[in-house]
């Protein structure tokens, strides 16, 4: 029996014009990368985030994997797709250094 140790980070952008450009996507991707420094996030985050970060820290100590999910009401522009591709490459590099696990 295989037990999955996985938690999800969900973030959404609800755009009225139908297209998600690179800038809002960069905000999301940047926040995901910031999970590498939980101590700093605890210092600068709001109270709701701080409560969640303690749960994230515990899960990481217990060797859970992180799965990032981006939800949007619009389609990604070419610039946003390029940023997403770059972010994925950075996650792969981090996973090779054992900081994150990346499965795309």
N, C-alpha and C. Protein backbone atom coordinates (compact mmCIF):
# COMPACT_ATOMS: atom_id res chain seq x y z
N UNK A 1 0.84 -1.17 0.00
CA UNK A 1 0.00 0.00 0.00
C UNK A 1 0.89 1.24 0.00
N UNK A 2 0.64 2.15 -0.95
CA UNK A 2 1.41 3.38 -1.05
C UNK A 2 0.57 4.51 -0.47
N UNK A 3 1.16 5.22 0.46
CA UNK A 3 0.50 6.37 1.06
C UNK A 3 1.17 7.62 0.53
N UNK A 4 0.40 8.48 -0.09
CA UNK A 4 0.94 9.71 -0.65
C UNK A 4 1.05 10.77 0.43
N UNK A 5 2.19 11.40 0.49
CA UNK A 5 2.42 12.51 1.41
C UNK A 5 2.53 13.76 0.55
N UNK A 6 1.39 14.40 0.36
CA UNK A 6 1.31 15.49 -0.59
C UNK A 6 0.41 16.58 -0.03
N UNK A 7 0.81 17.83 -0.21
CA UNK A 7 -0.11 18.92 0.07
C UNK A 7 -0.11 19.88 -1.10
N UNK A 8 -1.21 20.57 -1.24
CA UNK A 8 -1.43 21.44 -2.39
C UNK A 8 -1.32 22.91 -1.99
N UNK A 9 -0.74 23.70 -2.88
CA UNK A 9 -0.75 25.14 -2.77
C UNK A 9 -1.58 25.63 -3.94
N UNK A 10 -2.77 26.15 -3.63
CA UNK A 10 -3.69 26.63 -4.66
C UNK A 10 -3.70 28.14 -4.67
N UNK A 11 -3.64 28.71 -5.86
CA UNK A 11 -3.71 30.15 -5.98
C UNK A 11 -4.42 30.47 -7.28
N UNK A 12 -5.26 31.49 -7.23
CA UNK A 12 -6.03 31.83 -8.42
C UNK A 12 -5.94 33.28 -8.79
N UNK A 13 -6.18 33.53 -10.05
CA UNK A 13 -6.29 34.88 -10.59
C UNK A 13 -7.57 34.89 -11.43
N UNK A 14 -8.47 35.77 -11.07
CA UNK A 14 -9.73 35.85 -11.79
C UNK A 14 -9.71 37.14 -12.60
N UNK A 15 -9.52 36.99 -13.88
CA UNK A 15 -9.33 38.10 -14.80
C UNK A 15 -10.58 38.25 -15.66
N UNK A 16 -11.10 39.46 -15.72
CA UNK A 16 -12.32 39.71 -16.47
C UNK A 16 -12.15 39.81 -17.97
N UNK A 17 -10.95 40.12 -18.46
CA UNK A 17 -10.79 40.34 -19.89
C UNK A 17 -10.45 39.07 -20.67
N UNK A 18 -10.35 37.94 -20.01
CA UNK A 18 -10.12 36.68 -20.72
C UNK A 18 -8.68 36.26 -20.87
N UNK A 19 -7.73 37.15 -20.62
CA UNK A 19 -6.31 36.81 -20.79
C UNK A 19 -5.53 37.12 -19.52
N UNK A 20 -4.67 36.19 -19.13
CA UNK A 20 -3.79 36.40 -17.98
C UNK A 20 -2.40 36.68 -18.52
N UNK A 21 -1.93 37.90 -18.30
CA UNK A 21 -0.61 38.30 -18.80
C UNK A 21 0.47 37.87 -17.81
N UNK A 22 1.70 38.15 -18.15
CA UNK A 22 2.84 37.70 -17.36
C UNK A 22 2.86 38.28 -15.96
N UNK A 23 2.49 39.55 -15.78
CA UNK A 23 2.61 40.20 -14.48
C UNK A 23 1.81 39.50 -13.37
N UNK A 24 0.50 39.24 -13.55
CA UNK A 24 -0.21 38.54 -12.48
C UNK A 24 0.31 37.12 -12.24
N UNK A 25 0.76 36.48 -13.31
CA UNK A 25 1.32 35.14 -13.15
C UNK A 25 2.62 35.20 -12.37
N UNK A 26 3.44 36.21 -12.61
CA UNK A 26 4.70 36.36 -11.87
C UNK A 26 4.45 36.52 -10.37
N UNK A 27 3.37 37.20 -10.01
CA UNK A 27 3.02 37.35 -8.59
C UNK A 27 2.79 35.97 -7.96
N UNK A 28 2.06 35.14 -8.67
CA UNK A 28 1.77 33.80 -8.17
C UNK A 28 3.06 32.98 -8.07
N UNK A 29 3.83 32.96 -9.14
CA UNK A 29 5.05 32.16 -9.16
C UNK A 29 6.05 32.63 -8.11
N UNK A 30 6.14 33.93 -7.91
CA UNK A 30 7.03 34.49 -6.90
C UNK A 30 6.64 34.02 -5.50
N UNK A 31 5.36 34.01 -5.24
CA UNK A 31 4.92 33.57 -3.91
C UNK A 31 5.25 32.10 -3.68
N UNK A 32 5.18 31.29 -4.73
CA UNK A 32 5.52 29.88 -4.57
C UNK A 32 7.00 29.71 -4.26
N UNK A 33 7.86 30.47 -4.94
CA UNK A 33 9.30 30.37 -4.70
C UNK A 33 9.63 30.81 -3.27
N UNK A 34 8.87 31.76 -2.76
CA UNK A 34 9.12 32.26 -1.41
C UNK A 34 8.89 31.18 -0.34
N UNK A 35 8.23 30.10 -0.67
CA UNK A 35 8.05 29.02 0.29
C UNK A 35 9.37 28.39 0.71
N UNK A 36 10.42 28.64 -0.05
CA UNK A 36 11.73 28.11 0.32
C UNK A 36 12.26 28.75 1.59
N UNK A 37 11.76 29.94 1.95
CA UNK A 37 12.23 30.65 3.13
C UNK A 37 11.06 30.91 4.07
N UNK A 38 10.65 29.86 4.77
CA UNK A 38 9.49 29.94 5.64
C UNK A 38 9.71 30.91 6.81
N UNK A 39 10.93 31.02 7.28
CA UNK A 39 11.21 31.92 8.40
C UNK A 39 10.93 33.36 7.98
N UNK A 40 11.39 33.75 6.82
CA UNK A 40 11.14 35.12 6.34
C UNK A 40 9.65 35.35 6.13
N UNK A 41 8.96 34.38 5.55
CA UNK A 41 7.51 34.53 5.34
C UNK A 41 6.77 34.68 6.66
N UNK A 42 7.23 33.99 7.70
CA UNK A 42 6.62 34.14 9.02
C UNK A 42 6.79 35.57 9.53
N UNK A 43 7.91 36.18 9.19
CA UNK A 43 8.19 37.54 9.65
C UNK A 43 7.34 38.58 8.93
N UNK A 44 7.11 38.39 7.64
CA UNK A 44 6.44 39.42 6.84
C UNK A 44 4.98 39.12 6.51
N UNK A 45 4.54 37.89 6.77
CA UNK A 45 3.19 37.49 6.40
C UNK A 45 2.12 37.98 7.35
N UNK A 46 0.88 37.97 6.87
CA UNK A 46 -0.25 38.32 7.73
C UNK A 46 -0.58 37.14 8.65
N UNK A 47 -1.50 37.34 9.58
CA UNK A 47 -1.78 36.32 10.59
C UNK A 47 -2.33 35.03 9.98
N UNK A 48 -3.15 35.15 8.96
CA UNK A 48 -3.71 33.95 8.31
C UNK A 48 -2.60 33.14 7.65
N UNK A 49 -1.70 33.83 6.95
CA UNK A 49 -0.57 33.16 6.31
C UNK A 49 0.33 32.50 7.35
N UNK A 50 0.59 33.19 8.45
CA UNK A 50 1.46 32.65 9.49
C UNK A 50 0.92 31.34 10.05
N UNK A 51 -0.39 31.25 10.24
CA UNK A 51 -0.99 30.00 10.73
C UNK A 51 -0.76 28.87 9.73
N UNK A 52 -0.94 29.16 8.46
CA UNK A 52 -0.76 28.14 7.42
C UNK A 52 0.70 27.73 7.28
N UNK A 53 1.61 28.69 7.45
CA UNK A 53 3.03 28.39 7.29
C UNK A 53 3.53 27.40 8.34
N UNK A 54 2.98 27.45 9.52
CA UNK A 54 3.40 26.47 10.54
C UNK A 54 2.97 25.07 10.11
N UNK A 55 1.82 24.96 9.45
CA UNK A 55 1.38 23.67 8.93
C UNK A 55 2.27 23.21 7.78
N UNK A 56 2.68 24.15 6.92
CA UNK A 56 3.58 23.83 5.81
C UNK A 56 4.92 23.34 6.36
N UNK A 57 5.46 24.04 7.35
CA UNK A 57 6.74 23.65 7.93
C UNK A 57 6.68 22.23 8.50
N UNK A 58 5.60 21.92 9.18
CA UNK A 58 5.44 20.57 9.75
C UNK A 58 5.37 19.52 8.65
N UNK A 59 4.62 19.82 7.59
CA UNK A 59 4.50 18.87 6.48
C UNK A 59 5.85 18.64 5.81
N UNK A 60 6.61 19.71 5.62
CA UNK A 60 7.94 19.56 5.00
C UNK A 60 8.87 18.74 5.88
N UNK A 61 8.78 18.94 7.20
CA UNK A 61 9.58 18.14 8.13
C UNK A 61 9.21 16.67 8.02
N UNK A 62 7.95 16.40 7.76
CA UNK A 62 7.46 15.02 7.61
C UNK A 62 7.61 14.50 6.18
N UNK A 63 8.38 15.23 5.36
CA UNK A 63 8.74 14.84 4.00
C UNK A 63 7.55 14.77 3.05
N UNK A 64 6.59 15.66 3.24
CA UNK A 64 5.51 15.79 2.27
C UNK A 64 6.05 16.48 1.02
N UNK A 65 5.40 16.22 -0.11
CA UNK A 65 5.73 16.90 -1.35
C UNK A 65 4.72 18.02 -1.56
N UNK A 66 5.14 19.05 -2.27
CA UNK A 66 4.28 20.19 -2.57
C UNK A 66 3.81 20.09 -4.02
N UNK A 67 2.52 20.28 -4.22
CA UNK A 67 1.99 20.39 -5.57
C UNK A 67 1.36 21.77 -5.71
N UNK A 68 1.83 22.51 -6.71
CA UNK A 68 1.33 23.85 -6.95
C UNK A 68 0.22 23.79 -7.99
N UNK A 69 -0.88 24.49 -7.70
CA UNK A 69 -2.00 24.57 -8.63
C UNK A 69 -2.33 26.03 -8.88
N UNK A 70 -2.41 26.42 -10.13
CA UNK A 70 -2.78 27.77 -10.51
C UNK A 70 -4.13 27.69 -11.21
N UNK A 71 -5.10 28.42 -10.71
CA UNK A 71 -6.45 28.41 -11.26
C UNK A 71 -6.75 29.80 -11.79
N UNK A 72 -7.26 29.87 -13.01
CA UNK A 72 -7.58 31.17 -13.59
C UNK A 72 -8.83 31.06 -14.46
N UNK A 73 -9.49 32.19 -14.62
CA UNK A 73 -10.67 32.25 -15.47
C UNK A 73 -10.31 32.63 -16.90
N UNK A 74 -9.05 32.97 -17.13
CA UNK A 74 -8.62 33.39 -18.45
C UNK A 74 -7.56 32.47 -19.02
N UNK A 75 -7.20 32.74 -20.25
CA UNK A 75 -6.14 31.99 -20.93
C UNK A 75 -4.82 32.72 -20.71
N UNK A 76 -3.72 31.97 -20.64
CA UNK A 76 -2.40 32.58 -20.48
C UNK A 76 -1.94 33.17 -21.80
N UNK A 77 -1.38 34.38 -21.74
CA UNK A 77 -0.77 34.98 -22.92
C UNK A 77 0.55 34.26 -23.20
N UNK A 78 1.14 34.54 -24.36
CA UNK A 78 2.43 33.93 -24.69
C UNK A 78 3.50 34.31 -23.67
N UNK A 79 3.47 35.57 -23.20
CA UNK A 79 4.44 36.02 -22.20
C UNK A 79 4.26 35.25 -20.89
N UNK A 80 3.02 35.02 -20.50
CA UNK A 80 2.75 34.27 -19.27
C UNK A 80 3.19 32.82 -19.42
N UNK A 81 2.95 32.24 -20.59
CA UNK A 81 3.38 30.85 -20.84
C UNK A 81 4.91 30.75 -20.76
N UNK A 82 5.60 31.76 -21.27
CA UNK A 82 7.07 31.76 -21.20
C UNK A 82 7.53 31.83 -19.75
N UNK A 83 6.89 32.67 -18.94
CA UNK A 83 7.24 32.76 -17.52
C UNK A 83 6.97 31.44 -16.80
N UNK A 84 5.87 30.81 -17.12
CA UNK A 84 5.54 29.53 -16.50
C UNK A 84 6.59 28.47 -16.86
N UNK A 85 7.03 28.49 -18.10
CA UNK A 85 8.07 27.55 -18.53
C UNK A 85 9.38 27.80 -17.78
N UNK A 86 9.74 29.06 -17.60
CA UNK A 86 10.95 29.42 -16.86
C UNK A 86 10.83 28.97 -15.40
N UNK A 87 9.66 29.21 -14.82
CA UNK A 87 9.43 28.80 -13.43
C UNK A 87 9.57 27.29 -13.29
N UNK A 88 8.99 26.55 -14.24
CA UNK A 88 9.09 25.10 -14.19
C UNK A 88 10.55 24.66 -14.23
N UNK A 89 11.33 25.29 -15.09
CA UNK A 89 12.76 24.95 -15.18
C UNK A 89 13.47 25.23 -13.86
N UNK A 90 13.11 26.32 -13.20
CA UNK A 90 13.70 26.63 -11.89
C UNK A 90 13.32 25.59 -10.86
N UNK A 91 12.07 25.13 -10.88
CA UNK A 91 11.65 24.09 -9.94
C UNK A 91 12.39 22.78 -10.18
N UNK A 92 12.59 22.45 -11.44
CA UNK A 92 13.35 21.23 -11.76
C UNK A 92 14.75 21.35 -11.20
N UNK A 93 15.38 22.52 -11.39
CA UNK A 93 16.73 22.73 -10.86
C UNK A 93 16.75 22.61 -9.34
N UNK A 94 15.76 23.20 -8.68
CA UNK A 94 15.67 23.09 -7.22
C UNK A 94 15.50 21.65 -6.78
N UNK A 95 14.69 20.90 -7.51
CA UNK A 95 14.45 19.51 -7.13
C UNK A 95 15.72 18.68 -7.27
N UNK A 96 16.56 19.05 -8.25
CA UNK A 96 17.83 18.34 -8.42
C UNK A 96 18.76 18.61 -7.24
N UNK A 97 18.56 19.75 -6.57
CA UNK A 97 19.35 20.09 -5.39
C UNK A 97 18.66 19.65 -4.10
N UNK A 98 17.60 18.86 -4.23
CA UNK A 98 16.85 18.30 -3.09
C UNK A 98 16.11 19.34 -2.26
N UNK A 99 15.90 20.54 -2.79
CA UNK A 99 15.13 21.53 -2.08
C UNK A 99 13.63 21.35 -2.29
N UNK A 100 13.27 20.99 -3.50
CA UNK A 100 11.89 20.77 -3.88
C UNK A 100 11.84 19.54 -4.76
N UNK A 101 10.67 18.93 -4.83
CA UNK A 101 10.44 17.87 -5.78
C UNK A 101 9.56 18.43 -6.88
N UNK A 102 9.93 18.21 -8.11
CA UNK A 102 9.14 18.75 -9.23
C UNK A 102 8.79 17.62 -10.18
N UNK A 103 7.52 17.45 -10.42
CA UNK A 103 7.03 16.49 -11.39
C UNK A 103 6.06 17.23 -12.28
N UNK A 104 6.39 17.37 -13.56
CA UNK A 104 5.59 18.21 -14.45
C UNK A 104 4.93 17.36 -15.49
